[in-house]
Amino acid sequence: MLIAVASKDAKEINQHFGHAERFLIYDVSHNNVVLVDEKKVGRYCSYDPDHPLRGHLLRDIADALAGCRAVVSSQMGDHPKGELEKLGVEPFVINGPIKQTLVELAKIL
């Protein structure tokens, strides 16, 4: 299964969802975790006064993450969590090493 991760260093899950300008896409199967892609996105926390809820950015992010079973970040607000769920992307807030954490997460998905 594909899982998108917000990470500053490609080692740890350590980035806030709204600050991510890219998501690392991992293919997780059994105990194997492989980086397969990187999707560049517009920052959700763009402070655009014309679009205070930034729903258009969430749709763009969800489109970029199409095919991913979940998105994982170190922090995420309630509004983007709910909107991502409506758009078919399951959000998780977790910290830790990417590979080990994704293996554990895959067990519950």
PDB file of N, CA and C in Angstrom:
ATOM      1  N   MET A   1       0.839  -1.171   0.000  1.00  0.00           N
ATOM      2  CA  MET A   1       0.000   0.000   0.000  1.00  0.00           C
ATOM      3  C   MET A   1       0.884   1.234   0.000  1.00  0.00           C
ATOM      4  N   LEU A   2       0.367   2.318  -0.554  1.00  0.00           N
ATOM      5  CA  LEU A   2       1.123   3.570  -0.597  1.00  0.00           C
ATOM      6  C   LEU A   2       0.732   4.467   0.576  1.00  0.00           C
ATOM      7  N   ILE A   3       1.748   5.033   1.222  1.00  0.00           N
ATOM      8  CA  ILE A   3       1.541   5.952   2.342  1.00  0.00           C
ATOM      9  C   ILE A   3       2.395   7.189   2.104  1.00  0.00           C
ATOM     10  N   ALA A   4       1.785   8.366   2.232  1.00  0.00           N
ATOM     11  CA  ALA A   4       2.484   9.636   2.056  1.00  0.00           C
ATOM     12  C   ALA A   4       2.977  10.129   3.411  1.00  0.00           C
ATOM     13  N   VAL A   5       4.192  10.686   3.435  1.00  0.00           N
ATOM     14  CA  VAL A   5       4.823  11.122   4.682  1.00  0.00           C
ATOM     15  C   VAL A   5       5.322  12.560   4.536  1.00  0.00           C
ATOM     16  N   ALA A   6       5.055  13.370   5.563  1.00  0.00           N
ATOM     17  CA  ALA A   6       5.624  14.719   5.648  1.00  0.00           C
ATOM     18  C   ALA A   6       6.885  14.631   6.499  1.00  0.00           C
ATOM     19  N   SER A   7       8.030  14.925   5.870  1.00  0.00           N
ATOM     20  CA  SER A   7       9.305  14.812   6.564  1.00  0.00           C
ATOM     21  C   SER A   7      10.256  15.895   6.082  1.00  0.00           C
ATOM     22  N   LYS A   8      11.009  16.456   7.024  1.00  0.00           N
ATOM     23  CA  LYS A   8      12.016  17.459   6.674  1.00  0.00           C
ATOM     24  C   LYS A   8      13.307  16.813   6.193  1.00  0.00           C
ATOM     25  N   ASP A   9      13.576  15.566   6.637  1.00  0.00           N
ATOM     26  CA  ASP A   9      14.887  14.964   6.399  1.00  0.00           C
ATOM     27  C   ASP A   9      14.847  13.573   5.756  1.00  0.00           C
ATOM     28  N   ALA A  10      13.673  13.090   5.411  1.00  0.00           N
ATOM     29  CA  ALA A  10      13.500  11.760   4.797  1.00  0.00           C
ATOM     30  C   ALA A  10      13.958  10.619   5.703  1.00  0.00           C
ATOM     31  N   LYS A  11      14.070  10.894   7.000  1.00  0.00           N
ATOM     32  CA  LYS A  11      14.413   9.854   7.970  1.00  0.00           C
ATOM     33  C   LYS A  11      13.342   9.717   9.037  1.00  0.00           C
ATOM     34  N   GLU A  12      12.836  10.852   9.483  1.00  0.00           N
ATOM     35  CA  GLU A  12      11.849  10.907  10.570  1.00  0.00           C
ATOM     36  C   GLU A  12      10.551  11.532  10.069  1.00  0.00           C
ATOM     37  N   ILE A  13       9.445  11.150  10.679  1.00  0.00           N
ATOM     38  CA  ILE A  13       8.179  11.847  10.477  1.00  0.00           C
ATOM     39  C   ILE A  13       8.246  13.041  11.423  1.00  0.00           C
ATOM     40  N   ASN A  14       8.538  14.209  10.869  1.00  0.00           N
ATOM     41  CA  ASN A  14       8.857  15.356  11.718  1.00  0.00           C
ATOM     42  C   ASN A  14       8.410  16.683  11.125  1.00  0.00           C
ATOM     43  N   GLN A  15       7.374  16.647  10.285  1.00  0.00           N
ATOM     44  CA  GLN A  15       6.913  17.892   9.689  1.00  0.00           C
ATOM     45  C   GLN A  15       5.413  18.039   9.842  1.00  0.00           C
ATOM     46  N   HIS A  16       4.997  19.255  10.132  1.00  0.00           N
ATOM     47  CA  HIS A  16       3.584  19.612  10.226  1.00  0.00           C
ATOM     48  C   HIS A  16       2.967  19.505   8.837  1.00  0.00           C
ATOM     49  N   PHE A  17       1.792  18.935   8.751  1.00  0.00           N
ATOM     50  CA  PHE A  17       1.100  18.784   7.467  1.00  0.00           C
ATOM     51  C   PHE A  17       1.024  20.106   6.714  1.00  0.00           C
ATOM     52  N   GLY A  18       0.636  21.156   7.399  1.00  0.00           N
ATOM     53  CA  GLY A  18       0.429  22.448   6.750  1.00  0.00           C
ATOM     54  C   GLY A  18       1.689  23.125   6.271  1.00  0.00           C
ATOM     55  N   HIS A  19       2.842  22.684   6.739  1.00  0.00           N
ATOM     56  CA  HIS A  19       4.112  23.284   6.332  1.00  0.00           C
ATOM     57  C   HIS A  19       4.793  22.500   5.211  1.00  0.00           C
ATOM     58  N   ALA A  20       4.273  21.326   4.903  1.00  0.00           N
ATOM     59  CA  ALA A  20       4.908  20.462   3.897  1.00  0.00           C
ATOM     60  C   ALA A  20       4.761  21.046   2.501  1.00  0.00           C
ATOM     61  N   GLU A  21       5.877  21.067   1.786  1.00  0.00           N
ATOM     62  CA  GLU A  21       5.880  21.466   0.383  1.00  0.00           C
ATOM     63  C   GLU A  21       6.142  20.253  -0.513  1.00  0.00           C
ATOM     64  N   ARG A  22       6.291  19.097   0.139  1.00  0.00           N
ATOM     65  CA  ARG A  22       6.450  17.835  -0.572  1.00  0.00           C
ATOM     66  C   ARG A  22       6.024  16.714   0.367  1.00  0.00           C
ATOM     67  N   PHE A  23       5.591  15.634  -0.225  1.00  0.00           N
ATOM     68  CA  PHE A  23       5.288  14.418   0.520  1.00  0.00           C
ATOM     69  C   PHE A  23       6.082  13.284  -0.105  1.00  0.00           C
ATOM     70  N   LEU A  24       6.699  12.495   0.743  1.00  0.00           N
ATOM     71  CA  LEU A  24       7.426  11.317   0.299  1.00  0.00           C
ATOM     72  C   LEU A  24       6.430  10.164   0.245  1.00  0.00           C
ATOM     73  N   ILE A  25       6.424   9.434  -0.859  1.00  0.00           N
ATOM     74  CA  ILE A  25       5.469   8.342  -1.045  1.00  0.00           C
ATOM     75  C   ILE A  25       6.214   7.021  -0.881  1.00  0.00           C
ATOM     76  N   TYR A  26       5.751   6.225   0.076  1.00  0.00           N
ATOM     77  CA  TYR A  26       6.368   4.934   0.365  1.00  0.00           C
ATOM     78  C   TYR A  26       5.405   3.806   0.027  1.00  0.00           C
ATOM     79  N   ASP A  27       5.950   2.745  -0.544  1.00  0.00           N
ATOM     80  CA  ASP A  27       5.202   1.519  -0.760  1.00  0.00           C
ATOM     81  C   ASP A  27       5.529   0.612   0.420  1.00  0.00           C
ATOM     82  N   VAL A  28       4.493   0.238   1.163  1.00  0.00           N
ATOM     83  CA  VAL A  28       4.673  -0.566   2.368  1.00  0.00           C
ATOM     84  C   VAL A  28       3.969  -1.907   2.156  1.00  0.00           C
ATOM     85  N   SER A  29       4.741  -2.988   2.245  1.00  0.00           N
ATOM     86  CA  SER A  29       4.156  -4.324   2.155  1.00  0.00           C
ATOM     87  C   SER A  29       4.946  -5.243   3.079  1.00  0.00           C
ATOM     88  N   HIS A  30       4.191  -5.974   3.898  1.00  0.00           N
ATOM     89  CA  HIS A  30       4.791  -6.843   4.914  1.00  0.00           C
ATOM     90  C   HIS A  30       5.720  -5.988   5.783  1.00  0.00           C
ATOM     91  N   ASN A  31       6.963  -6.294   5.875  1.00  0.00           N
ATOM     92  CA  ASN A  31       7.905  -5.487   6.658  1.00  0.00           C
ATOM     93  C   ASN A  31       8.846  -4.701   5.762  1.00  0.00           C
ATOM     94  N   ASN A  32       8.447  -4.501   4.512  1.00  0.00           N
ATOM     95  CA  ASN A  32       9.280  -3.815   3.538  1.00  0.00           C
ATOM     96  C   ASN A  32       8.726  -2.417   3.264  1.00  0.00           C
ATOM     97  N   VAL A  33       9.593  -1.399   3.357  1.00  0.00           N
ATOM     98  CA  VAL A  33       9.207  -0.007   3.120  1.00  0.00           C
ATOM     99  C   VAL A  33      10.168   0.567   2.085  1.00  0.00           C
ATOM    100  N   VAL A  34       9.598   1.000   0.946  1.00  0.00           N
ATOM    101  CA  VAL A  34      10.422   1.499  -0.151  1.00  0.00           C
ATOM    102  C   VAL A  34       9.906   2.875  -0.590  1.00  0.00           C
ATOM    103  N   LEU A  35      10.812   3.846  -0.664  1.00  0.00           N
ATOM    104  CA  LEU A  35      10.470   5.164  -1.199  1.00  0.00           C
ATOM    105  C   LEU A  35      10.274   5.033  -2.698  1.00  0.00           C
ATOM    106  N   VAL A  36       9.081   5.408  -3.191  1.00  0.00           N
ATOM    107  CA  VAL A  36       8.790   5.234  -4.617  1.00  0.00           C
ATOM    108  C   VAL A  36       8.543   6.543  -5.357  1.00  0.00           C
ATOM    109  N   ASP A  37       8.287   7.639  -4.611  1.00  0.00           N
ATOM    110  CA  ASP A  37       7.985   8.890  -5.297  1.00  0.00           C
ATOM    111  C   ASP A  37       8.072  10.053  -4.311  1.00  0.00           C
ATOM    112  N   GLU A  38       8.084  11.231  -4.858  1.00  0.00           N
ATOM    113  CA  GLU A  38       8.030  12.466  -4.078  1.00  0.00           C
ATOM    114  C   GLU A  38       7.067  13.396  -4.797  1.00  0.00           C
ATOM    115  N   LYS A  39       6.057  13.891  -4.074  1.00  0.00           N
ATOM    116  CA  LYS A  39       5.064  14.771  -4.675  1.00  0.00           C
ATOM    117  C   LYS A  39       5.222  16.165  -4.089  1.00  0.00           C
ATOM    118  N   LYS A  40       5.483  17.129  -4.945  1.00  0.00           N
ATOM    119  CA  LYS A  40       5.569  18.517  -4.519  1.00  0.00           C
ATOM    120  C   LYS A  40       4.165  19.091  -4.492  1.00  0.00           C
ATOM    121  N   VAL A  41       3.871  19.870  -3.439  1.00  0.00           N
ATOM    122  CA  VAL A  41       2.537  20.450  -3.256  1.00  0.00           C
ATOM    123  C   VAL A  41       2.672  21.888  -2.776  1.00  0.00           C
ATOM    124  N   GLY A  42       1.590  22.634  -2.891  1.00  0.00           N
ATOM    125  CA  GLY A  42       1.541  23.966  -2.300  1.00  0.00           C
ATOM    126  C   GLY A  42       1.319  23.839  -0.806  1.00  0.00           C
ATOM    127  N   ARG A  43       1.985  24.680  -0.030  1.00  0.00           N
ATOM    128  CA  ARG A  43       1.806  24.638   1.431  1.00  0.00           C
ATOM    129  C   ARG A  43       0.362  24.941   1.802  1.00  0.00           C
ATOM    130  N   TYR A  44      -0.222  24.084   2.640  1.00  0.00           N
ATOM    131  CA  TYR A  44      -1.585  24.330   3.108  1.00  0.00           C
ATOM    132  C   TYR A  44      -1.631  25.596   3.951  1.00  0.00           C
ATOM    133  N   CYS A  45      -0.650  25.810   4.794  1.00  0.00           N
ATOM    134  CA  CYS A  45      -0.588  27.014   5.631  1.00  0.00           C
ATOM    135  C   CYS A  45       0.060  28.140   4.826  1.00  0.00           C
ATOM    136  N   SER A  46      -0.721  28.683   3.908  1.00  0.00           N
ATOM    137  CA  SER A  46      -0.197  29.726   3.026  1.00  0.00           C
ATOM    138  C   SER A  46      -0.646  31.113   3.460  1.00  0.00           C
ATOM    139  N   TYR A  47      -1.550  31.178   4.420  1.00  0.00           N
ATOM    140  CA  TYR A  47      -2.060  32.451   4.934  1.00  0.00           C
ATOM    141  C   TYR A  47      -2.611  33.320   3.818  1.00  0.00           C
ATOM    142  N   ASP A  48      -3.405  32.725   2.961  1.00  0.00           N
ATOM    143  CA  ASP A  48      -4.026  33.432   1.852  1.00  0.00           C
ATOM    144  C   ASP A  48      -5.312  34.087   2.353  1.00  0.00           C
ATOM    145  N   PRO A  49      -5.359  35.423   2.479  1.00  0.00           N
ATOM    146  CA  PRO A  49      -6.547  36.082   3.017  1.00  0.00           C
ATOM    147  C   PRO A  49      -7.781  35.908   2.135  1.00  0.00           C
ATOM    148  N   ASP A  50      -7.596  35.614   0.851  1.00  0.00           N
ATOM    149  CA  ASP A  50      -8.740  35.422  -0.037  1.00  0.00           C
ATOM    150  C   ASP A  50      -9.352  34.027   0.097  1.00  0.00           C
ATOM    151  N   HIS A  51      -8.594  33.104   0.667  1.00  0.00           N
ATOM    152  CA  HIS A  51      -9.069  31.731   0.856  1.00  0.00           C
ATOM    153  C   HIS A  51      -8.684  31.261   2.258  1.00  0.00           C
ATOM    154  N   PRO A  52      -9.360  31.790   3.296  1.00  0.00           N
ATOM    155  CA  PRO A  52      -8.918  31.487   4.661  1.00  0.00           C
ATOM    156  C   PRO A  52      -8.975  30.014   5.045  1.00  0.00           C
ATOM    157  N   LEU A  53      -9.875  29.231   4.465  1.00  0.00           N
ATOM    158  CA  LEU A  53      -9.937  27.807   4.811  1.00  0.00           C
ATOM    159  C   LEU A  53      -9.105  26.957   3.862  1.00  0.00           C
ATOM    160  N   ARG A  54      -8.653  27.523   2.783  1.00  0.00           N
ATOM    161  CA  ARG A  54      -7.720  26.899   1.855  1.00  0.00           C
ATOM    162  C   ARG A  54      -8.177  25.530   1.350  1.00  0.00           C
ATOM    163  N   GLY A  55      -9.482  25.371   1.174  1.00  0.00           N
ATOM    164  CA  GLY A  55     -10.006  24.096   0.677  1.00  0.00           C
ATOM    165  C   GLY A  55      -9.458  23.718  -0.672  1.00  0.00           C
ATOM    166  N   HIS A  56      -9.194  24.723  -1.510  1.00  0.00           N
ATOM    167  CA  HIS A  56      -8.640  24.431  -2.832  1.00  0.00           C
ATOM    168  C   HIS A  56      -7.258  23.787  -2.710  1.00  0.00           C
ATOM    169  N   LEU A  57      -6.471  24.199  -1.725  1.00  0.00           N
ATOM    170  CA  LEU A  57      -5.153  23.596  -1.515  1.00  0.00           C
ATOM    171  C   LEU A  57      -5.283  22.159  -1.033  1.00  0.00           C
ATOM    172  N   LEU A  58      -6.251  21.898  -0.160  1.00  0.00           N
ATOM    173  CA  LEU A  58      -6.458  20.517   0.308  1.00  0.00           C
ATOM    174  C   LEU A  58      -6.848  19.602  -0.842  1.00  0.00           C
ATOM    175  N   ARG A  59      -7.694  20.105  -1.740  1.00  0.00           N
ATOM    176  CA  ARG A  59      -8.066  19.280  -2.901  1.00  0.00           C
ATOM    177  C   ARG A  59      -6.843  19.005  -3.769  1.00  0.00           C
ATOM    178  N   ASP A  60      -6.009  20.026  -3.962  1.00  0.00           N
ATOM    179  CA  ASP A  60      -4.791  19.834  -4.757  1.00  0.00           C
ATOM    180  C   ASP A  60      -3.854  18.820  -4.101  1.00  0.00           C
ATOM    181  N   ILE A  61      -3.723  18.904  -2.773  1.00  0.00           N
ATOM    182  CA  ILE A  61      -2.866  17.955  -2.054  1.00  0.00           C
ATOM    183  C   ILE A  61      -3.440  16.546  -2.165  1.00  0.00           C
ATOM    184  N   ALA A  62      -4.754  16.417  -1.956  1.00  0.00           N
ATOM    185  CA  ALA A  62      -5.393  15.102  -2.069  1.00  0.00           C
ATOM    186  C   ALA A  62      -5.213  14.543  -3.476  1.00  0.00           C
ATOM    187  N   ASP A  63      -5.313  15.390  -4.493  1.00  0.00           N
ATOM    188  CA  ASP A  63      -5.102  14.931  -5.868  1.00  0.00           C
ATOM    189  C   ASP A  63      -3.674  14.444  -6.061  1.00  0.00           C
ATOM    190  N   ALA A  64      -2.701  15.189  -5.496  1.00  0.00           N
ATOM    191  CA  ALA A  64      -1.288  14.806  -5.622  1.00  0.00           C
ATOM    192  C   ALA A  64      -1.024  13.468  -4.928  1.00  0.00           C
ATOM    193  N   LEU A  65      -1.793  13.181  -3.878  1.00  0.00           N
ATOM    194  CA  LEU A  65      -1.588  11.958  -3.101  1.00  0.00           C
ATOM    195  C   LEU A  65      -2.543  10.838  -3.527  1.00  0.00           C
ATOM    196  N   ALA A  66      -3.169  11.004  -4.685  1.00  0.00           N
ATOM    197  CA  ALA A  66      -4.104   9.994  -5.188  1.00  0.00           C
ATOM    198  C   ALA A  66      -3.413   8.635  -5.220  1.00  0.00           C
ATOM    199  N   GLY A  67      -4.119   7.638  -4.734  1.00  0.00           N
ATOM    200  CA  GLY A  67      -3.570   6.288  -4.684  1.00  0.00           C
ATOM    201  C   GLY A  67      -2.951   5.949  -3.341  1.00  0.00           C
ATOM    202  N   CYS A  68      -2.723   6.964  -2.513  1.00  0.00           N
ATOM    203  CA  CYS A  68      -2.174   6.717  -1.171  1.00  0.00           C
ATOM    204  C   CYS A  68      -3.291   6.317  -0.223  1.00  0.00           C
ATOM    205  N   ARG A  69      -3.029   5.328   0.584  1.00  0.00           N
ATOM    206  CA  ARG A  69      -4.006   4.856   1.573  1.00  0.00           C
ATOM    207  C   ARG A  69      -4.098   5.837   2.739  1.00  0.00           C
ATOM    208  N   ALA A  70      -2.963   6.517   3.053  1.00  0.00           N
ATOM    209  CA  ALA A  70      -2.927   7.411   4.209  1.00  0.00           C
ATOM    210  C   ALA A  70      -1.865   8.481   3.999  1.00  0.00           C
ATOM    211  N   VAL A  71      -1.980   9.535   4.810  1.00  0.00           N
ATOM    212  CA  VAL A  71      -0.944  10.563   4.882  1.00  0.00           C
ATOM    213  C   VAL A  71      -0.560  10.700   6.348  1.00  0.00           C
ATOM    214  N   VAL A  72       0.756  10.776   6.603  1.00  0.00           N
ATOM    215  CA  VAL A  72       1.277  10.797   7.962  1.00  0.00           C
ATOM    216  C   VAL A  72       2.109  12.062   8.139  1.00  0.00           C
ATOM    217  N   SER A  73       1.847  12.770   9.235  1.00  0.00           N
ATOM    218  CA  SER A  73       2.630  13.963   9.568  1.00  0.00           C
ATOM    219  C   SER A  73       2.768  14.056  11.074  1.00  0.00           C
ATOM    220  N   SER A  74       3.667  14.937  11.525  1.00  0.00           N
ATOM    221  CA  SER A  74       3.893  15.061  12.967  1.00  0.00           C
ATOM    222  C   SER A  74       2.814  15.893  13.648  1.00  0.00           C
ATOM    223  N   GLN A  75       2.148  16.761  12.889  1.00  0.00           N
ATOM    224  CA  GLN A  75       1.046  17.572  13.406  1.00  0.00           C
ATOM    225  C   GLN A  75       0.078  17.852  12.273  1.00  0.00           C
ATOM    226  N   MET A  76      -1.200  18.023  12.641  1.00  0.00           N
ATOM    227  CA  MET A  76      -2.210  18.372  11.651  1.00  0.00           C
ATOM    228  C   MET A  76      -3.425  18.914  12.384  1.00  0.00           C
ATOM    229  N   GLY A  77      -3.951  20.004  11.887  1.00  0.00           N
ATOM    230  CA  GLY A  77      -5.142  20.593  12.486  1.00  0.00           C
ATOM    231  C   GLY A  77      -6.385  19.766  12.213  1.00  0.00           C
ATOM    232  N   ASP A  78      -7.428  20.014  13.022  1.00  0.00           N
ATOM    233  CA  ASP A  78      -8.671  19.257  12.884  1.00  0.00           C
ATOM    234  C   ASP A  78      -9.354  19.496  11.542  1.00  0.00           C
ATOM    235  N   HIS A  79      -9.317  20.746  11.063  1.00  0.00           N
ATOM    236  CA  HIS A  79      -9.984  21.036   9.791  1.00  0.00           C
ATOM    237  C   HIS A  79      -9.371  20.252   8.632  1.00  0.00           C
ATOM    238  N   PRO A  80      -8.051  20.316   8.426  1.00  0.00           N
ATOM    239  CA  PRO A  80      -7.502  19.526   7.317  1.00  0.00           C
ATOM    240  C   PRO A  80      -7.697  18.024   7.505  1.00  0.00           C
ATOM    241  N   LYS A  81      -7.671  17.535   8.755  1.00  0.00           N
ATOM    242  CA  LYS A  81      -7.921  16.104   8.984  1.00  0.00           C
ATOM    243  C   LYS A  81      -9.293  15.717   8.440  1.00  0.00           C
ATOM    244  N   GLY A  82     -10.303  16.472   8.849  1.00  0.00           N
ATOM    245  CA  GLY A  82     -11.670  16.172   8.423  1.00  0.00           C
ATOM    246  C   GLY A  82     -11.850  16.292   6.925  1.00  0.00           C
ATOM    247  N   GLU A  83     -11.271  17.317   6.338  1.00  0.00           N
ATOM    248  CA  GLU A  83     -11.406  17.513   4.896  1.00  0.00           C
ATOM    249  C   GLU A  83     -10.671  16.433   4.111  1.00  0.00           C
ATOM    250  N   LEU A  84      -9.494  16.035   4.561  1.00  0.00           N
ATOM    251  CA  LEU A  84      -8.768  14.964   3.875  1.00  0.00           C
ATOM    252  C   LEU A  84      -9.563  13.661   3.914  1.00  0.00           C
ATOM    253  N   GLU A  85     -10.180  13.377   5.067  1.00  0.00           N
ATOM    254  CA  GLU A  85     -11.005  12.172   5.172  1.00  0.00           C
ATOM    255  C   GLU A  85     -12.140  12.213   4.150  1.00  0.00           C
ATOM    256  N   LYS A  86     -12.786  13.383   4.011  1.00  0.00           N
ATOM    257  CA  LYS A  86     -13.859  13.524   3.025  1.00  0.00           C
ATOM    258  C   LYS A  86     -13.350  13.316   1.608  1.00  0.00           C
ATOM    259  N   LEU A  87     -12.086  13.676   1.368  1.00  0.00           N
ATOM    260  CA  LEU A  87     -11.491  13.540   0.040  1.00  0.00           C
ATOM    261  C   LEU A  87     -10.874  12.157  -0.185  1.00  0.00           C
ATOM    262  N   GLY A  88     -11.006  11.269   0.819  1.00  0.00           N
ATOM    263  CA  GLY A  88     -10.567   9.889   0.652  1.00  0.00           C
ATOM    264  C   GLY A  88      -9.139   9.589   1.068  1.00  0.00           C
ATOM    265  N   VAL A  89      -8.496  10.511   1.795  1.00  0.00           N
ATOM    266  CA  VAL A  89      -7.133  10.283   2.285  1.00  0.00           C
ATOM    267  C   VAL A  89      -7.195  10.193   3.804  1.00  0.00           C
ATOM    268  N   GLU A  90      -6.758   9.078   4.370  1.00  0.00           N
ATOM    269  CA  GLU A  90      -6.821   8.873   5.815  1.00  0.00           C
ATOM    270  C   GLU A  90      -5.615   9.529   6.494  1.00  0.00           C
ATOM    271  N   PRO A  91      -5.853  10.529   7.378  1.00  0.00           N
ATOM    272  CA  PRO A  91      -4.743  11.232   8.037  1.00  0.00           C
ATOM    273  C   PRO A  91      -4.331  10.574   9.353  1.00  0.00           C
ATOM    274  N   PHE A  92      -3.016  10.593   9.610  1.00  0.00           N
ATOM    275  CA  PHE A  92      -2.475  10.114  10.882  1.00  0.00           C
ATOM    276  C   PHE A  92      -1.444  11.112  11.380  1.00  0.00           C
ATOM    277  N   VAL A  93      -1.466  11.362  12.688  1.00  0.00           N
ATOM    278  CA  VAL A  93      -0.471  12.221  13.331  1.00  0.00           C
ATOM    279  C   VAL A  93       0.412  11.317  14.172  1.00  0.00           C
ATOM    280  N   ILE A  94       1.656  11.177  13.734  1.00  0.00           N
ATOM    281  CA  ILE A  94       2.611  10.260  14.363  1.00  0.00           C
ATOM    282  C   ILE A  94       4.003  10.875  14.245  1.00  0.00           C
ATOM    283  N   ASN A  95       4.835  10.639  15.231  1.00  0.00           N
ATOM    284  CA  ASN A  95       6.248  11.011  15.163  1.00  0.00           C
ATOM    285  C   ASN A  95       7.072   9.736  15.224  1.00  0.00           C
ATOM    286  N   GLY A  96       8.247   9.772  14.606  1.00  0.00           N
ATOM    287  CA  GLY A  96       9.141   8.626  14.712  1.00  0.00           C
ATOM    288  C   GLY A  96       9.870   8.366  13.426  1.00  0.00           C
ATOM    289  N   PRO A  97      10.736   7.345  13.443  1.00  0.00           N
ATOM    290  CA  PRO A  97      11.475   6.979  12.235  1.00  0.00           C
ATOM    291  C   PRO A  97      10.501   6.477  11.164  1.00  0.00           C
ATOM    292  N   ILE A  98      10.692   6.922   9.939  1.00  0.00           N
ATOM    293  CA  ILE A  98       9.728   6.627   8.876  1.00  0.00           C
ATOM    294  C   ILE A  98       9.518   5.134   8.682  1.00  0.00           C
ATOM    295  N   LYS A  99      10.574   4.405   8.406  1.00  0.00           N
ATOM    296  CA  LYS A  99      10.397   2.996   8.024  1.00  0.00           C
ATOM    297  C   LYS A  99       9.760   2.164   9.127  1.00  0.00           C
ATOM    298  N   GLN A 100      10.268   2.280  10.332  1.00  0.00           N
ATOM    299  CA  GLN A 100       9.720   1.511  11.453  1.00  0.00           C
ATOM    300  C   GLN A 100       8.265   1.897  11.722  1.00  0.00           C
ATOM    301  N   THR A 101       7.977   3.189  11.679  1.00  0.00           N
ATOM    302  CA  THR A 101       6.616   3.671  11.957  1.00  0.00           C
ATOM    303  C   THR A 101       5.637   3.201  10.888  1.00  0.00           C
ATOM    304  N   LEU A 102       6.046   3.227   9.627  1.00  0.00           N
ATOM    305  CA  LEU A 102       5.146   2.792   8.561  1.00  0.00           C
ATOM    306  C   LEU A 102       4.867   1.297   8.612  1.00  0.00           C
ATOM    307  N   VAL A 103       5.850   0.506   9.005  1.00  0.00           N
ATOM    308  CA  VAL A 103       5.621  -0.931   9.176  1.00  0.00           C
ATOM    309  C   VAL A 103       4.540  -1.158  10.232  1.00  0.00           C
ATOM    310  N   GLU A 104       4.625  -0.445  11.342  1.00  0.00           N
ATOM    311  CA  GLU A 104       3.639  -0.583  12.425  1.00  0.00           C
ATOM    312  C   GLU A 104       2.273  -0.059  11.987  1.00  0.00           C
ATOM    313  N   LEU A 105       2.259   1.077  11.293  1.00  0.00           N
ATOM    314  CA  LEU A 105       0.995   1.653  10.828  1.00  0.00           C
ATOM    315  C   LEU A 105       0.291   0.717   9.843  1.00  0.00           C
ATOM    316  N   ALA A 106       1.046   0.105   8.972  1.00  0.00           N
ATOM    317  CA  ALA A 106       0.468  -0.797   7.970  1.00  0.00           C
ATOM    318  C   ALA A 106      -0.271  -1.971   8.621  1.00  0.00           C
ATOM    319  N   LYS A 107       0.135  -2.346   9.816  1.00  0.00           N
ATOM    320  CA  LYS A 107      -0.519  -3.470  10.510  1.00  0.00           C
ATOM    321  C   LYS A 107      -1.956  -3.142  10.888  1.00  0.00           C
ATOM    322  N   ILE A 108      -2.282  -1.843  11.057  1.00  0.00           N
ATOM    323  CA  ILE A 108      -3.638  -1.482  11.455  1.00  0.00           C
ATOM    324  C   ILE A 108      -4.488  -0.967  10.296  1.00  0.00           C
ATOM    325  N   LEU A 109      -3.874  -0.789   9.143  1.00  0.00           N
ATOM    326  CA  LEU A 109      -4.630  -0.293   7.980  1.00  0.00           C
ATOM    327  C   LEU A 109      -5.250  -1.443   7.198  1.00  0.00           C
TER     328      LEU A 109
END
